């Protein structure tokens, strides 16, 4: 069985991308991170860094082509 990438808390996402937690929450609210790129259980978010990175790249590409 292949080892899947672990889910990480919002703090790790903010650290990884050198942004604030508020910025990550803004990405969620503005749909730069689509709902399928994270899990939300209650008020807790969990992310896979590769999926966040992919989603941000897609959002960037969309902005550039607009």
N, C-alpha and C. Protein backbone atom coordinates (compact mmCIF):
# COMPACT_ATOMS: atom_id res chain seq x y z
N UNK A 1 0.85 -1.18 0.00
CA UNK A 1 0.00 0.00 0.00
C UNK A 1 0.89 1.24 0.00
N UNK A 2 0.54 2.20 -0.81
CA UNK A 2 1.29 3.44 -0.94
C UNK A 2 1.01 4.35 0.25
N UNK A 3 2.06 5.01 0.75
CA UNK A 3 1.90 5.92 1.87
C UNK A 3 1.38 7.26 1.37
N UNK A 4 0.19 7.63 1.79
CA UNK A 4 -0.44 8.87 1.35
C UNK A 4 0.16 10.06 2.08
N UNK A 5 0.14 11.19 1.42
CA UNK A 5 0.62 12.43 2.04
C UNK A 5 -0.27 12.77 3.24
N UNK A 6 0.34 13.13 4.35
CA UNK A 6 -0.47 13.43 5.55
C UNK A 6 -1.19 14.76 5.44
N UNK A 7 -2.28 14.87 6.16
CA UNK A 7 -2.97 16.15 6.30
C UNK A 7 -2.26 16.95 7.38
N UNK A 8 -2.14 18.26 7.17
CA UNK A 8 -1.46 19.12 8.14
C UNK A 8 -2.40 20.24 8.56
N UNK A 9 -2.16 20.82 9.74
CA UNK A 9 -3.01 21.92 10.21
C UNK A 9 -2.71 23.23 9.47
N UNK A 10 -3.60 24.18 9.63
CA UNK A 10 -3.50 25.46 8.93
C UNK A 10 -2.18 26.18 9.25
N UNK A 11 -1.67 25.99 10.46
CA UNK A 11 -0.40 26.64 10.85
C UNK A 11 0.75 26.16 9.97
N UNK A 12 0.76 24.88 9.65
CA UNK A 12 1.82 24.34 8.80
C UNK A 12 1.71 24.88 7.37
N UNK A 13 0.49 25.06 6.89
CA UNK A 13 0.29 25.63 5.55
C UNK A 13 0.82 27.06 5.53
N UNK A 14 0.47 27.84 6.54
CA UNK A 14 0.94 29.22 6.62
C UNK A 14 2.47 29.27 6.68
N UNK A 15 3.07 28.42 7.50
CA UNK A 15 4.54 28.37 7.59
C UNK A 15 5.16 27.97 6.26
N UNK A 16 4.61 26.96 5.62
CA UNK A 16 5.16 26.44 4.37
C UNK A 16 5.18 27.51 3.28
N UNK A 17 4.11 28.30 3.19
CA UNK A 17 4.01 29.31 2.15
C UNK A 17 4.44 30.70 2.63
N UNK A 18 4.93 30.78 3.86
CA UNK A 18 5.43 32.03 4.46
C UNK A 18 4.36 33.13 4.41
N UNK A 19 3.16 32.76 4.83
CA UNK A 19 2.05 33.71 4.91
C UNK A 19 1.41 33.56 6.29
N UNK A 20 0.49 34.45 6.60
CA UNK A 20 -0.21 34.36 7.87
C UNK A 20 -1.37 33.36 7.78
N UNK A 21 -1.84 32.95 8.94
CA UNK A 21 -3.02 32.08 8.99
C UNK A 21 -4.21 32.81 8.39
N UNK A 22 -4.29 34.12 8.61
CA UNK A 22 -5.38 34.92 8.02
C UNK A 22 -5.37 34.83 6.51
N UNK A 23 -4.19 34.81 5.91
CA UNK A 23 -4.09 34.70 4.45
C UNK A 23 -4.63 33.35 3.98
N UNK A 24 -4.30 32.29 4.68
CA UNK A 24 -4.82 30.96 4.31
C UNK A 24 -6.34 30.96 4.42
N UNK A 25 -6.86 31.56 5.47
CA UNK A 25 -8.32 31.63 5.62
C UNK A 25 -8.95 32.46 4.48
N UNK A 26 -8.26 33.51 4.05
CA UNK A 26 -8.73 34.31 2.91
C UNK A 26 -8.74 33.48 1.64
N UNK A 27 -7.70 32.67 1.43
CA UNK A 27 -7.66 31.79 0.26
C UNK A 27 -8.87 30.88 0.24
N UNK A 28 -9.26 30.38 1.42
CA UNK A 28 -10.43 29.50 1.50
C UNK A 28 -11.69 30.29 1.18
N UNK A 29 -11.85 31.43 1.81
CA UNK A 29 -13.06 32.26 1.65
C UNK A 29 -13.24 32.75 0.21
N UNK A 30 -12.14 33.04 -0.49
CA UNK A 30 -12.22 33.56 -1.86
C UNK A 30 -12.13 32.46 -2.91
N UNK A 31 -12.20 31.21 -2.48
CA UNK A 31 -12.17 30.05 -3.37
C UNK A 31 -10.85 29.87 -4.12
N UNK A 32 -9.77 30.48 -3.65
CA UNK A 32 -8.45 30.16 -4.21
C UNK A 32 -8.05 28.74 -3.81
N UNK A 33 -8.62 28.27 -2.71
CA UNK A 33 -8.47 26.87 -2.31
C UNK A 33 -9.85 26.23 -2.40
N UNK A 34 -10.09 25.46 -3.45
CA UNK A 34 -11.41 24.83 -3.59
C UNK A 34 -11.67 23.82 -2.48
N UNK A 35 -12.92 23.56 -2.23
CA UNK A 35 -13.33 22.69 -1.13
C UNK A 35 -12.72 21.29 -1.19
N UNK A 36 -12.35 20.82 -2.38
CA UNK A 36 -11.76 19.48 -2.47
C UNK A 36 -10.26 19.47 -2.16
N UNK A 37 -9.68 20.63 -1.82
CA UNK A 37 -8.25 20.66 -1.50
C UNK A 37 -7.98 20.66 0.00
N UNK A 38 -9.03 20.57 0.81
CA UNK A 38 -8.85 20.52 2.26
C UNK A 38 -10.03 19.81 2.90
N UNK A 39 -9.85 19.45 4.16
CA UNK A 39 -10.93 18.87 4.96
C UNK A 39 -11.30 19.87 6.04
N UNK A 40 -12.56 19.98 6.35
CA UNK A 40 -13.00 20.80 7.47
C UNK A 40 -13.85 19.93 8.37
N UNK A 41 -13.40 19.79 9.60
CA UNK A 41 -14.13 19.00 10.59
C UNK A 41 -14.43 19.94 11.74
N UNK A 42 -15.70 20.30 11.89
CA UNK A 42 -16.05 21.33 12.87
C UNK A 42 -15.44 22.65 12.44
N UNK A 43 -14.64 23.23 13.31
CA UNK A 43 -13.95 24.48 12.98
C UNK A 43 -12.48 24.24 12.65
N UNK A 44 -12.10 23.00 12.44
CA UNK A 44 -10.71 22.64 12.21
C UNK A 44 -10.49 22.29 10.74
N UNK A 45 -9.46 22.90 10.15
CA UNK A 45 -9.09 22.62 8.77
C UNK A 45 -7.86 21.73 8.75
N UNK A 46 -7.79 20.84 7.74
CA UNK A 46 -6.61 20.02 7.50
C UNK A 46 -6.35 20.03 6.00
N UNK A 47 -5.07 20.11 5.65
CA UNK A 47 -4.67 20.30 4.26
C UNK A 47 -3.59 19.31 3.86
N UNK A 48 -3.52 19.02 2.58
CA UNK A 48 -2.36 18.34 2.00
C UNK A 48 -1.60 19.43 1.24
N UNK A 49 -0.34 19.63 1.58
CA UNK A 49 0.43 20.72 1.01
C UNK A 49 0.48 20.68 -0.51
N UNK A 50 0.60 19.49 -1.09
CA UNK A 50 0.67 19.40 -2.55
C UNK A 50 -0.63 19.86 -3.19
N UNK A 51 -1.77 19.56 -2.57
CA UNK A 51 -3.05 19.98 -3.11
C UNK A 51 -3.24 21.49 -2.99
N UNK A 52 -2.75 22.07 -1.89
CA UNK A 52 -2.81 23.52 -1.72
C UNK A 52 -1.96 24.18 -2.79
N UNK A 53 -0.76 23.67 -2.99
CA UNK A 53 0.14 24.23 -3.99
C UNK A 53 -0.49 24.16 -5.38
N UNK A 54 -1.05 23.01 -5.73
CA UNK A 54 -1.71 22.85 -7.03
C UNK A 54 -2.87 23.84 -7.19
N UNK A 55 -3.67 24.00 -6.15
CA UNK A 55 -4.81 24.91 -6.22
C UNK A 55 -4.36 26.35 -6.39
N UNK A 56 -3.29 26.74 -5.69
CA UNK A 56 -2.79 28.11 -5.81
C UNK A 56 -2.22 28.36 -7.20
N UNK A 57 -1.55 27.37 -7.77
CA UNK A 57 -1.02 27.52 -9.12
C UNK A 57 -2.15 27.68 -10.13
N UNK A 58 -3.22 26.92 -9.97
CA UNK A 58 -4.38 27.04 -10.86
C UNK A 58 -5.02 28.41 -10.72
N UNK A 59 -5.13 28.91 -9.48
CA UNK A 59 -5.70 30.24 -9.24
C UNK A 59 -4.83 31.30 -9.89
N UNK A 60 -3.52 31.15 -9.79
CA UNK A 60 -2.59 32.11 -10.39
C UNK A 60 -2.73 32.10 -11.91
N UNK A 61 -2.80 30.91 -12.50
CA UNK A 61 -2.95 30.79 -13.96
C UNK A 61 -4.26 31.43 -14.42
N UNK A 62 -5.32 31.25 -13.65
CA UNK A 62 -6.62 31.83 -13.99
C UNK A 62 -6.55 33.35 -13.95
N UNK A 63 -5.88 33.90 -12.93
CA UNK A 63 -5.75 35.36 -12.82
C UNK A 63 -4.94 35.92 -13.98
N UNK A 64 -3.88 35.23 -14.36
CA UNK A 64 -3.02 35.72 -15.44
C UNK A 64 -3.71 35.69 -16.79
N UNK A 65 -4.61 34.72 -17.00
CA UNK A 65 -5.27 34.63 -18.30
C UNK A 65 -6.51 35.53 -18.38
N UNK A 66 -6.91 36.10 -17.27
CA UNK A 66 -8.10 36.98 -17.26
C UNK A 66 -7.79 38.37 -17.74
